[in-house]
N, C-alpha and C. Protein backbone atom coordinates (compact mmCIF):
# COMPACT_ATOMS: atom_id res chain seq x y z
N MET A 1 16.76 40.18 -153.38
CA MET A 1 17.96 40.83 -152.87
C MET A 1 17.86 42.34 -153.06
N VAL A 2 17.35 42.75 -154.21
CA VAL A 2 17.22 44.18 -154.49
C VAL A 2 16.23 44.83 -153.53
N LEU A 3 15.11 44.18 -153.28
CA LEU A 3 14.12 44.74 -152.36
C LEU A 3 14.67 44.81 -150.93
N PHE A 4 15.43 43.82 -150.50
CA PHE A 4 16.06 43.86 -149.18
C PHE A 4 17.03 45.04 -149.10
N ALA A 5 17.87 45.19 -150.10
CA ALA A 5 18.85 46.28 -150.10
C ALA A 5 18.17 47.64 -150.07
N LEU A 6 17.12 47.80 -150.86
CA LEU A 6 16.40 49.07 -150.90
C LEU A 6 15.69 49.35 -149.57
N ASN A 7 15.02 48.34 -149.02
CA ASN A 7 14.32 48.50 -147.75
C ASN A 7 15.29 48.82 -146.61
N PHE A 8 16.40 48.09 -146.54
CA PHE A 8 17.37 48.33 -145.48
C PHE A 8 18.04 49.70 -145.64
N THR A 9 18.28 50.12 -146.87
CA THR A 9 18.87 51.43 -147.12
C THR A 9 17.93 52.55 -146.66
N LEU A 10 16.65 52.43 -146.97
CA LEU A 10 15.69 53.45 -146.53
C LEU A 10 15.57 53.48 -145.01
N SER A 11 15.64 52.32 -144.38
CA SER A 11 15.61 52.28 -142.91
C SER A 11 16.83 52.95 -142.32
N MET A 12 17.98 52.70 -142.88
CA MET A 12 19.21 53.30 -142.35
C MET A 12 19.28 54.80 -142.70
N ALA A 13 18.62 55.22 -143.76
CA ALA A 13 18.54 56.66 -144.05
C ALA A 13 17.76 57.35 -142.94
N GLU A 14 16.72 56.70 -142.41
CA GLU A 14 15.99 57.26 -141.28
C GLU A 14 16.87 57.34 -140.04
N VAL A 15 17.71 56.36 -139.82
CA VAL A 15 18.64 56.38 -138.68
C VAL A 15 19.63 57.54 -138.87
N ALA A 16 20.11 57.72 -140.09
CA ALA A 16 21.04 58.83 -140.37
C ALA A 16 20.35 60.17 -140.15
N GLN A 17 19.08 60.27 -140.50
CA GLN A 17 18.34 61.51 -140.26
C GLN A 17 18.18 61.77 -138.77
N TYR A 18 17.99 60.72 -138.00
CA TYR A 18 17.92 60.90 -136.54
C TYR A 18 19.26 61.36 -136.00
N ILE A 19 20.35 60.81 -136.50
CA ILE A 19 21.69 61.24 -136.07
C ILE A 19 21.86 62.72 -136.36
N ALA A 20 21.43 63.17 -137.54
CA ALA A 20 21.53 64.59 -137.90
C ALA A 20 20.67 65.44 -136.98
N PHE A 21 19.44 65.03 -136.72
CA PHE A 21 18.56 65.80 -135.85
C PHE A 21 19.10 65.88 -134.43
N SER A 22 19.53 64.76 -133.89
CA SER A 22 20.01 64.73 -132.52
C SER A 22 21.29 65.56 -132.36
N SER A 23 22.18 65.48 -133.33
CA SER A 23 23.41 66.29 -133.29
C SER A 23 23.09 67.76 -133.45
N SER A 24 22.14 68.08 -134.30
CA SER A 24 21.74 69.48 -134.48
C SER A 24 21.07 70.02 -133.23
N ARG A 25 20.30 69.18 -132.56
CA ARG A 25 19.67 69.60 -131.31
C ARG A 25 20.72 69.88 -130.24
N ALA A 26 21.78 69.08 -130.19
CA ALA A 26 22.87 69.33 -129.25
C ALA A 26 23.58 70.64 -129.59
N HIS A 27 23.67 70.96 -130.88
CA HIS A 27 24.30 72.20 -131.32
C HIS A 27 23.43 73.41 -131.03
N ALA A 28 22.13 73.24 -131.10
CA ALA A 28 21.21 74.37 -130.97
C ALA A 28 21.10 74.89 -129.54
N ALA A 29 21.36 74.05 -128.56
CA ALA A 29 21.21 74.48 -127.16
C ALA A 29 22.25 75.53 -126.80
N GLY A 30 21.83 76.54 -126.06
CA GLY A 30 22.74 77.60 -125.65
C GLY A 30 23.88 77.07 -124.79
N HIS A 31 25.03 77.72 -124.90
CA HIS A 31 26.20 77.33 -124.12
C HIS A 31 27.05 78.58 -123.91
N ILE A 32 28.28 78.40 -123.44
CA ILE A 32 29.16 79.53 -123.15
C ILE A 32 29.46 80.33 -124.41
N ASP A 33 29.90 79.64 -125.44
CA ASP A 33 30.18 80.30 -126.72
C ASP A 33 29.90 79.31 -127.86
N GLN A 34 30.07 79.79 -129.08
CA GLN A 34 29.72 78.98 -130.24
C GLN A 34 30.64 77.77 -130.39
N GLU A 35 31.89 77.88 -129.96
CA GLU A 35 32.82 76.75 -130.05
C GLU A 35 32.32 75.58 -129.19
N HIS A 36 31.78 75.88 -128.01
CA HIS A 36 31.25 74.82 -127.16
C HIS A 36 30.01 74.18 -127.78
N GLN A 37 29.20 74.96 -128.48
CA GLN A 37 28.02 74.39 -129.14
C GLN A 37 28.46 73.43 -130.25
N ILE A 38 29.49 73.81 -130.99
CA ILE A 38 30.00 72.94 -132.06
C ILE A 38 30.59 71.67 -131.47
N GLN A 39 31.32 71.80 -130.36
CA GLN A 39 31.89 70.62 -129.71
C GLN A 39 30.79 69.67 -129.23
N ARG A 40 29.70 70.23 -128.73
CA ARG A 40 28.58 69.39 -128.28
C ARG A 40 27.98 68.62 -129.45
N ALA A 41 27.83 69.28 -130.59
CA ALA A 41 27.28 68.61 -131.77
C ALA A 41 28.21 67.50 -132.25
N GLN A 42 29.50 67.78 -132.30
CA GLN A 42 30.46 66.76 -132.73
C GLN A 42 30.47 65.57 -131.77
N ALA A 43 30.40 65.86 -130.47
CA ALA A 43 30.41 64.78 -129.48
C ALA A 43 29.15 63.91 -129.61
N LYS A 44 28.00 64.52 -129.83
CA LYS A 44 26.76 63.76 -129.99
C LYS A 44 26.82 62.91 -131.26
N TYR A 45 27.32 63.49 -132.34
CA TYR A 45 27.47 62.76 -133.60
C TYR A 45 28.36 61.54 -133.41
N GLN A 46 29.52 61.75 -132.77
CA GLN A 46 30.46 60.63 -132.56
C GLN A 46 29.87 59.56 -131.64
N SER A 47 29.13 59.98 -130.61
CA SER A 47 28.54 58.99 -129.70
C SER A 47 27.49 58.13 -130.41
N LEU A 48 26.74 58.74 -131.32
CA LEU A 48 25.73 57.96 -132.05
C LEU A 48 26.35 57.06 -133.11
N VAL A 49 27.31 57.58 -133.84
CA VAL A 49 27.94 56.78 -134.90
C VAL A 49 28.77 55.65 -134.31
N ASN A 50 29.36 55.87 -133.13
CA ASN A 50 30.18 54.84 -132.49
C ASN A 50 29.39 53.96 -131.53
N ASN A 51 28.07 54.08 -131.54
CA ASN A 51 27.23 53.21 -130.73
C ASN A 51 27.48 51.76 -131.14
N PRO A 52 27.61 50.83 -130.19
CA PRO A 52 27.93 49.44 -130.55
C PRO A 52 26.96 48.80 -131.54
N VAL A 53 25.70 49.25 -131.54
CA VAL A 53 24.73 48.69 -132.48
C VAL A 53 24.94 49.25 -133.89
N LEU A 54 25.24 50.55 -133.98
CA LEU A 54 25.36 51.19 -135.29
C LEU A 54 26.78 51.16 -135.88
N LYS A 55 27.77 51.03 -135.05
CA LYS A 55 29.16 51.12 -135.52
C LYS A 55 29.49 50.13 -136.64
N PRO A 56 29.04 48.87 -136.58
CA PRO A 56 29.36 47.97 -137.69
C PRO A 56 28.72 48.39 -139.02
N LEU A 57 27.63 49.17 -138.96
CA LEU A 57 26.93 49.55 -140.19
C LEU A 57 27.48 50.83 -140.82
N PHE A 58 27.95 51.77 -139.98
CA PHE A 58 28.41 53.06 -140.47
C PHE A 58 29.93 53.18 -140.39
N ASN A 59 30.52 53.66 -141.47
CA ASN A 59 31.93 54.09 -141.51
C ASN A 59 32.93 53.03 -141.07
N ASN A 60 32.62 51.78 -141.27
CA ASN A 60 33.58 50.72 -141.03
C ASN A 60 34.25 50.43 -142.37
N PRO A 61 35.54 50.74 -142.54
CA PRO A 61 36.17 50.64 -143.86
C PRO A 61 36.12 49.25 -144.49
N ASP A 62 36.13 48.22 -143.66
CA ASP A 62 36.19 46.86 -144.21
C ASP A 62 34.82 46.31 -144.59
N SER A 63 33.84 46.48 -143.70
CA SER A 63 32.56 45.81 -143.93
C SER A 63 31.36 46.75 -143.86
N SER A 64 31.58 48.03 -143.95
CA SER A 64 30.48 48.97 -143.79
C SER A 64 29.58 48.98 -145.02
N TRP A 65 28.28 48.94 -144.75
CA TRP A 65 27.32 49.04 -145.83
C TRP A 65 26.94 50.48 -146.11
N PHE A 66 27.21 51.37 -145.14
CA PHE A 66 26.82 52.76 -145.27
C PHE A 66 27.97 53.66 -144.81
N GLN A 67 28.19 54.72 -145.55
CA GLN A 67 29.24 55.68 -145.20
C GLN A 67 28.58 57.02 -144.88
N LEU A 68 29.03 57.64 -143.81
CA LEU A 68 28.60 59.00 -143.48
C LEU A 68 29.79 59.91 -143.70
N GLY A 69 29.57 60.98 -144.45
CA GLY A 69 30.64 61.92 -144.76
C GLY A 69 31.00 62.80 -143.57
N ALA A 70 31.91 63.71 -143.82
CA ALA A 70 32.37 64.62 -142.77
C ALA A 70 31.23 65.53 -142.32
N LEU A 71 31.24 65.84 -141.05
CA LEU A 71 30.21 66.68 -140.44
C LEU A 71 30.51 68.15 -140.75
N ASP A 72 29.55 68.83 -141.33
CA ASP A 72 29.67 70.26 -141.67
C ASP A 72 28.70 71.02 -140.78
N ILE A 73 29.24 71.78 -139.81
CA ILE A 73 28.41 72.51 -138.85
C ILE A 73 28.52 74.00 -139.12
N ARG A 74 27.38 74.65 -139.26
CA ARG A 74 27.36 76.10 -139.47
C ARG A 74 26.35 76.71 -138.50
N GLY A 75 26.82 77.65 -137.69
CA GLY A 75 25.99 78.19 -136.63
C GLY A 75 25.51 79.59 -136.80
N GLY A 76 25.89 80.26 -137.89
CA GLY A 76 25.45 81.64 -138.07
C GLY A 76 26.01 82.54 -136.99
N GLY A 77 25.22 83.48 -136.53
CA GLY A 77 25.65 84.39 -135.46
C GLY A 77 26.85 85.21 -135.87
N ALA A 78 27.79 85.35 -134.95
CA ALA A 78 28.98 86.17 -135.20
C ALA A 78 29.85 85.57 -136.30
N SER A 79 29.81 84.24 -136.47
CA SER A 79 30.64 83.61 -137.50
C SER A 79 30.11 83.91 -138.89
N GLY A 80 28.80 84.14 -139.02
CA GLY A 80 28.20 84.42 -140.33
C GLY A 80 28.12 83.20 -141.22
N SER A 81 28.46 82.04 -140.73
CA SER A 81 28.49 80.82 -141.51
C SER A 81 27.12 80.15 -141.48
N THR A 82 26.43 80.12 -142.63
CA THR A 82 25.11 79.50 -142.73
C THR A 82 25.03 78.66 -144.01
N PHE A 83 23.93 77.97 -144.16
CA PHE A 83 23.64 77.21 -145.38
C PHE A 83 22.70 77.97 -146.31
N ASP A 84 22.59 79.28 -146.12
CA ASP A 84 21.67 80.08 -146.92
C ASP A 84 21.96 79.99 -148.42
N GLU A 85 23.22 79.95 -148.79
CA GLU A 85 23.58 79.88 -150.21
C GLU A 85 23.03 78.61 -150.86
N GLU A 86 23.10 77.50 -150.14
CA GLU A 86 22.70 76.22 -150.71
C GLU A 86 21.20 75.96 -150.63
N TYR A 87 20.54 76.49 -149.56
CA TYR A 87 19.17 76.10 -149.31
C TYR A 87 18.16 77.24 -149.24
N GLY A 88 18.56 78.44 -149.51
CA GLY A 88 17.60 79.52 -149.36
C GLY A 88 17.94 80.69 -150.25
N THR A 89 17.14 81.73 -150.10
CA THR A 89 17.36 82.95 -150.84
C THR A 89 17.68 84.07 -149.88
N ALA A 90 18.09 85.19 -150.41
CA ALA A 90 18.45 86.33 -149.56
C ALA A 90 17.23 86.89 -148.84
N GLN A 91 16.03 86.64 -149.37
CA GLN A 91 14.82 87.16 -148.75
C GLN A 91 14.34 86.32 -147.56
N ASP A 92 14.90 85.14 -147.38
CA ASP A 92 14.49 84.31 -146.24
C ASP A 92 14.87 84.99 -144.94
N ARG A 93 13.94 85.00 -144.01
CA ARG A 93 14.19 85.66 -142.73
C ARG A 93 14.85 84.75 -141.72
N VAL A 94 14.68 83.45 -141.87
CA VAL A 94 15.24 82.50 -140.93
C VAL A 94 16.56 81.95 -141.51
N PRO A 95 17.67 82.14 -140.80
CA PRO A 95 18.94 81.62 -141.32
C PRO A 95 18.96 80.10 -141.29
N LYS A 96 19.58 79.51 -142.28
CA LYS A 96 19.70 78.06 -142.36
C LYS A 96 20.97 77.66 -141.60
N VAL A 97 20.80 77.32 -140.33
CA VAL A 97 21.92 76.93 -139.50
C VAL A 97 21.68 75.53 -138.95
N GLY A 98 22.73 74.81 -138.72
CA GLY A 98 22.66 73.45 -138.22
C GLY A 98 23.83 72.66 -138.74
N LEU A 99 23.55 71.46 -139.21
CA LEU A 99 24.64 70.62 -139.70
C LEU A 99 24.20 69.79 -140.89
N ARG A 100 25.20 69.23 -141.55
CA ARG A 100 24.95 68.43 -142.75
C ARG A 100 26.07 67.42 -142.91
N PHE A 101 25.74 66.25 -143.43
CA PHE A 101 26.75 65.26 -143.81
C PHE A 101 26.19 64.43 -144.97
N THR A 102 27.08 63.72 -145.63
CA THR A 102 26.70 62.90 -146.78
C THR A 102 26.42 61.47 -146.33
N PHE A 103 25.34 60.92 -146.84
CA PHE A 103 24.95 59.53 -146.59
C PHE A 103 25.15 58.77 -147.89
N SER A 104 26.04 57.76 -147.86
CA SER A 104 26.33 56.96 -149.05
C SER A 104 26.05 55.50 -148.77
N PRO A 105 24.99 54.97 -149.35
CA PRO A 105 24.67 53.55 -149.13
C PRO A 105 25.46 52.65 -150.09
N ARG A 106 26.54 52.09 -149.60
CA ARG A 106 27.35 51.18 -150.42
C ARG A 106 26.60 49.88 -150.68
N LEU A 107 25.59 49.60 -149.86
CA LEU A 107 24.79 48.39 -150.03
C LEU A 107 24.08 48.37 -151.38
N LEU A 108 23.77 49.54 -151.92
CA LEU A 108 23.07 49.60 -153.20
C LEU A 108 24.00 49.44 -154.39
N ASN A 109 25.30 49.41 -154.16
CA ASN A 109 26.25 49.17 -155.25
C ASN A 109 26.37 47.67 -155.45
N MET A 110 25.62 47.14 -156.39
CA MET A 110 25.59 45.68 -156.59
C MET A 110 25.52 45.37 -158.07
N LYS A 111 25.82 44.13 -158.36
CA LYS A 111 25.69 43.62 -159.73
C LYS A 111 24.48 42.70 -159.76
N ILE A 112 23.56 42.98 -160.66
CA ILE A 112 22.33 42.21 -160.79
C ILE A 112 22.43 41.37 -162.05
N ALA A 113 22.16 40.09 -161.91
CA ALA A 113 22.26 39.18 -163.05
C ALA A 113 21.40 39.66 -164.21
N PHE A 114 21.92 39.62 -165.39
CA PHE A 114 21.28 39.98 -166.64
C PHE A 114 21.00 41.48 -166.79
N LEU A 115 21.18 42.26 -165.73
CA LEU A 115 20.94 43.70 -165.80
C LEU A 115 22.23 44.51 -165.67
N GLY A 116 23.20 43.98 -164.99
CA GLY A 116 24.47 44.68 -164.85
C GLY A 116 24.61 45.33 -163.48
N SER A 117 25.55 46.26 -163.42
CA SER A 117 25.87 46.93 -162.16
C SER A 117 24.96 48.14 -161.94
N THR A 118 24.71 48.47 -160.69
CA THR A 118 23.90 49.65 -160.38
C THR A 118 24.71 50.94 -160.46
N SER A 119 26.03 50.81 -160.56
CA SER A 119 26.88 51.98 -160.62
C SER A 119 28.12 51.68 -161.45
N GLU A 120 28.55 52.65 -162.24
CA GLU A 120 29.77 52.45 -163.02
C GLU A 120 30.99 52.41 -162.12
N ASP A 121 31.01 53.26 -161.10
CA ASP A 121 32.11 53.31 -160.15
C ASP A 121 31.59 52.78 -158.81
N PRO A 122 32.03 51.60 -158.37
CA PRO A 122 31.48 51.04 -157.13
C PRO A 122 31.75 51.90 -155.90
N ASP A 123 32.79 52.72 -155.91
CA ASP A 123 33.06 53.57 -154.76
C ASP A 123 32.19 54.82 -154.75
N ALA A 124 31.74 55.28 -155.92
CA ALA A 124 30.93 56.49 -155.99
C ALA A 124 29.49 56.18 -155.60
N GLY A 125 28.82 55.40 -156.40
CA GLY A 125 27.46 54.98 -156.08
C GLY A 125 26.50 56.11 -155.80
N PHE A 126 25.51 55.82 -154.99
CA PHE A 126 24.48 56.79 -154.61
C PHE A 126 24.94 57.57 -153.38
N SER A 127 24.44 58.77 -153.25
CA SER A 127 24.69 59.55 -152.03
C SER A 127 23.61 60.62 -151.90
N ALA A 128 23.41 61.06 -150.67
CA ALA A 128 22.44 62.10 -150.39
C ALA A 128 22.96 62.95 -149.24
N GLN A 129 22.55 64.21 -149.24
CA GLN A 129 22.90 65.11 -148.13
C GLN A 129 21.86 64.97 -147.04
N ILE A 130 22.28 64.66 -145.83
CA ILE A 130 21.39 64.59 -144.68
C ILE A 130 21.61 65.87 -143.88
N THR A 131 20.54 66.60 -143.61
CA THR A 131 20.67 67.89 -142.92
C THR A 131 19.83 67.90 -141.65
N GLY A 132 20.27 68.69 -140.72
CA GLY A 132 19.53 68.93 -139.49
C GLY A 132 19.59 70.41 -139.18
N PHE A 133 18.55 71.15 -139.56
CA PHE A 133 18.52 72.59 -139.35
C PHE A 133 17.63 72.93 -138.17
N LEU A 134 18.20 73.51 -137.15
CA LEU A 134 17.46 74.02 -136.00
C LEU A 134 18.02 75.40 -135.69
N ILE A 135 17.18 76.31 -135.30
CA ILE A 135 17.66 77.65 -134.97
C ILE A 135 18.46 77.57 -133.69
N ARG A 136 19.70 78.01 -133.75
CA ARG A 136 20.60 77.94 -132.61
C ARG A 136 20.24 79.01 -131.60
N GLU A 137 20.23 78.62 -130.32
CA GLU A 137 20.00 79.60 -129.26
C GLU A 137 21.25 80.46 -129.10
N PRO A 138 21.08 81.70 -128.67
CA PRO A 138 22.26 82.54 -128.47
C PRO A 138 23.11 82.00 -127.32
N THR A 139 24.40 82.21 -127.45
CA THR A 139 25.31 81.77 -126.41
C THR A 139 25.36 82.80 -125.29
N GLN A 140 25.97 82.41 -124.19
CA GLN A 140 26.14 83.33 -123.07
C GLN A 140 26.97 84.54 -123.51
N GLN A 141 27.99 84.29 -124.30
CA GLN A 141 28.85 85.37 -124.80
C GLN A 141 28.06 86.32 -125.69
N GLU A 142 27.24 85.78 -126.60
CA GLU A 142 26.44 86.62 -127.48
C GLU A 142 25.42 87.43 -126.70
N CYS A 143 24.81 86.82 -125.70
CA CYS A 143 23.85 87.56 -124.86
C CYS A 143 24.53 88.72 -124.16
N TRP A 144 25.68 88.46 -123.61
CA TRP A 144 26.39 89.51 -122.87
C TRP A 144 26.80 90.65 -123.82
N ASN A 145 27.38 90.30 -124.95
CA ASN A 145 27.87 91.33 -125.87
C ASN A 145 26.76 92.09 -126.58
N LEU A 146 25.76 91.37 -127.05
CA LEU A 146 24.76 92.01 -127.88
C LEU A 146 23.56 92.54 -127.10
N GLN A 147 23.19 91.90 -126.02
CA GLN A 147 22.00 92.31 -125.31
C GLN A 147 22.32 93.24 -124.14
N ILE A 148 23.11 92.74 -123.23
CA ILE A 148 23.32 93.48 -121.98
C ILE A 148 24.14 94.75 -122.20
N ARG A 149 25.28 94.63 -122.89
CA ARG A 149 26.13 95.82 -123.08
C ARG A 149 25.45 96.86 -123.96
N GLN A 150 24.87 96.42 -125.08
CA GLN A 150 24.23 97.38 -125.97
C GLN A 150 22.98 97.98 -125.34
N ARG A 151 22.19 97.15 -124.67
CA ARG A 151 20.97 97.67 -124.05
C ARG A 151 21.32 98.68 -122.97
N HIS A 152 22.37 98.41 -122.21
CA HIS A 152 22.81 99.35 -121.18
C HIS A 152 23.18 100.69 -121.81
N ALA A 153 23.93 100.65 -122.90
CA ALA A 153 24.32 101.89 -123.58
C ALA A 153 23.09 102.62 -124.13
N TYR A 154 22.16 101.90 -124.70
CA TYR A 154 20.96 102.54 -125.25
C TYR A 154 20.10 103.18 -124.16
N ILE A 155 19.97 102.50 -123.04
CA ILE A 155 19.16 103.05 -121.95
C ILE A 155 19.81 104.32 -121.41
N LEU A 156 21.14 104.31 -121.27
CA LEU A 156 21.82 105.49 -120.76
C LEU A 156 21.75 106.67 -121.73
N ASN A 157 21.58 106.38 -123.00
CA ASN A 157 21.52 107.44 -124.01
C ASN A 157 20.10 107.81 -124.41
N LEU A 158 19.12 107.38 -123.63
CA LEU A 158 17.74 107.73 -123.94
C LEU A 158 17.52 109.24 -123.82
N ASP A 159 16.52 109.69 -124.50
CA ASP A 159 16.08 111.08 -124.37
C ASP A 159 15.71 111.31 -122.90
N SER A 160 15.94 112.50 -122.40
CA SER A 160 15.70 112.79 -120.98
C SER A 160 14.25 112.55 -120.57
N ARG A 161 13.32 112.60 -121.51
CA ARG A 161 11.92 112.34 -121.19
C ARG A 161 11.71 110.91 -120.71
N TYR A 162 12.60 109.98 -121.13
CA TYR A 162 12.43 108.57 -120.81
C TYR A 162 13.33 108.09 -119.67
N LYS A 163 14.15 108.95 -119.11
CA LYS A 163 15.08 108.55 -118.06
C LYS A 163 14.37 108.57 -116.72
N ILE A 164 13.57 107.57 -116.48
CA ILE A 164 12.80 107.52 -115.23
C ILE A 164 13.24 106.35 -114.37
N LEU A 165 14.32 105.68 -114.74
CA LEU A 165 14.79 104.55 -113.96
C LEU A 165 15.37 105.04 -112.65
N GLY A 166 14.84 104.60 -111.55
CA GLY A 166 15.34 105.00 -110.24
C GLY A 166 14.87 106.38 -109.83
N GLY A 167 13.89 106.91 -110.49
CA GLY A 167 13.39 108.25 -110.18
C GLY A 167 13.45 109.11 -111.42
N ALA A 168 12.77 110.23 -111.39
CA ALA A 168 12.67 111.08 -112.57
C ALA A 168 14.00 111.75 -112.90
N THR A 169 14.87 111.96 -111.94
CA THR A 169 16.12 112.67 -112.21
C THR A 169 17.32 111.75 -112.25
N ALA A 170 17.19 110.51 -111.84
CA ALA A 170 18.33 109.59 -111.80
C ALA A 170 18.60 109.02 -113.19
N ASN A 171 19.85 108.71 -113.43
CA ASN A 171 20.26 108.12 -114.70
C ASN A 171 20.99 106.82 -114.38
N LYS A 172 20.29 105.86 -113.85
CA LYS A 172 20.90 104.59 -113.48
C LYS A 172 20.29 103.46 -114.28
N TYR A 173 21.13 102.55 -114.63
CA TYR A 173 20.68 101.34 -115.34
C TYR A 173 20.30 100.30 -114.30
N VAL A 174 19.14 99.72 -114.46
CA VAL A 174 18.67 98.68 -113.56
C VAL A 174 18.60 97.37 -114.34
N PRO A 175 19.45 96.41 -114.04
CA PRO A 175 19.38 95.15 -114.78
C PRO A 175 18.07 94.42 -114.52
N MET A 176 17.56 93.76 -115.55
CA MET A 176 16.31 93.01 -115.44
C MET A 176 16.60 91.54 -115.37
N GLU A 177 15.69 90.78 -114.79
CA GLU A 177 15.87 89.34 -114.66
C GLU A 177 15.91 88.67 -116.04
N ASP A 178 15.06 89.12 -116.94
CA ASP A 178 15.04 88.58 -118.29
C ASP A 178 15.92 89.47 -119.15
N ASN A 179 17.07 88.93 -119.56
CA ASN A 179 18.00 89.75 -120.34
C ASN A 179 17.73 89.71 -121.83
N GLY A 180 16.64 89.13 -122.25
CA GLY A 180 16.28 89.13 -123.66
C GLY A 180 16.83 87.96 -124.44
N CYS A 181 17.57 87.07 -123.80
CA CYS A 181 18.15 85.94 -124.54
C CYS A 181 17.24 84.75 -124.48
């Protein structure tokens, strides 16, 4: 029984890691703004957890063997919200952005004959943080505000030696197909 519980728990931990990765991937894709990216991650998470195959195993209050905690999404960027405090140092160049939730295998909370219980508090038991960190693509709003507007201002304020756009004497901004995003 113990080997079955351990084997099944490790298998479901892999499923939980896939849920984290897939939700983080939905969050990482560029969209209109950061709120839409967060909504996409939440929608993907809910669709996977509420899948008819997985729903009886996850977050079912009556018969669930595994509990997934609340989804914590941090996207960095203008919000400044990252997991750097928990998972990195100030010298890290790549921000820790993505999502995280708690995985609690209630299946491992059992009483074993002659050995006793695996946990003093059956509701607490074991738990682990499942994370999905992917670098988020810039949103359309961030591209417009940070790339196009600022780049336009910088080009217009170039030294006169570099103002060759549209001719040597013209001072016109010419938008490029690749906006840097």
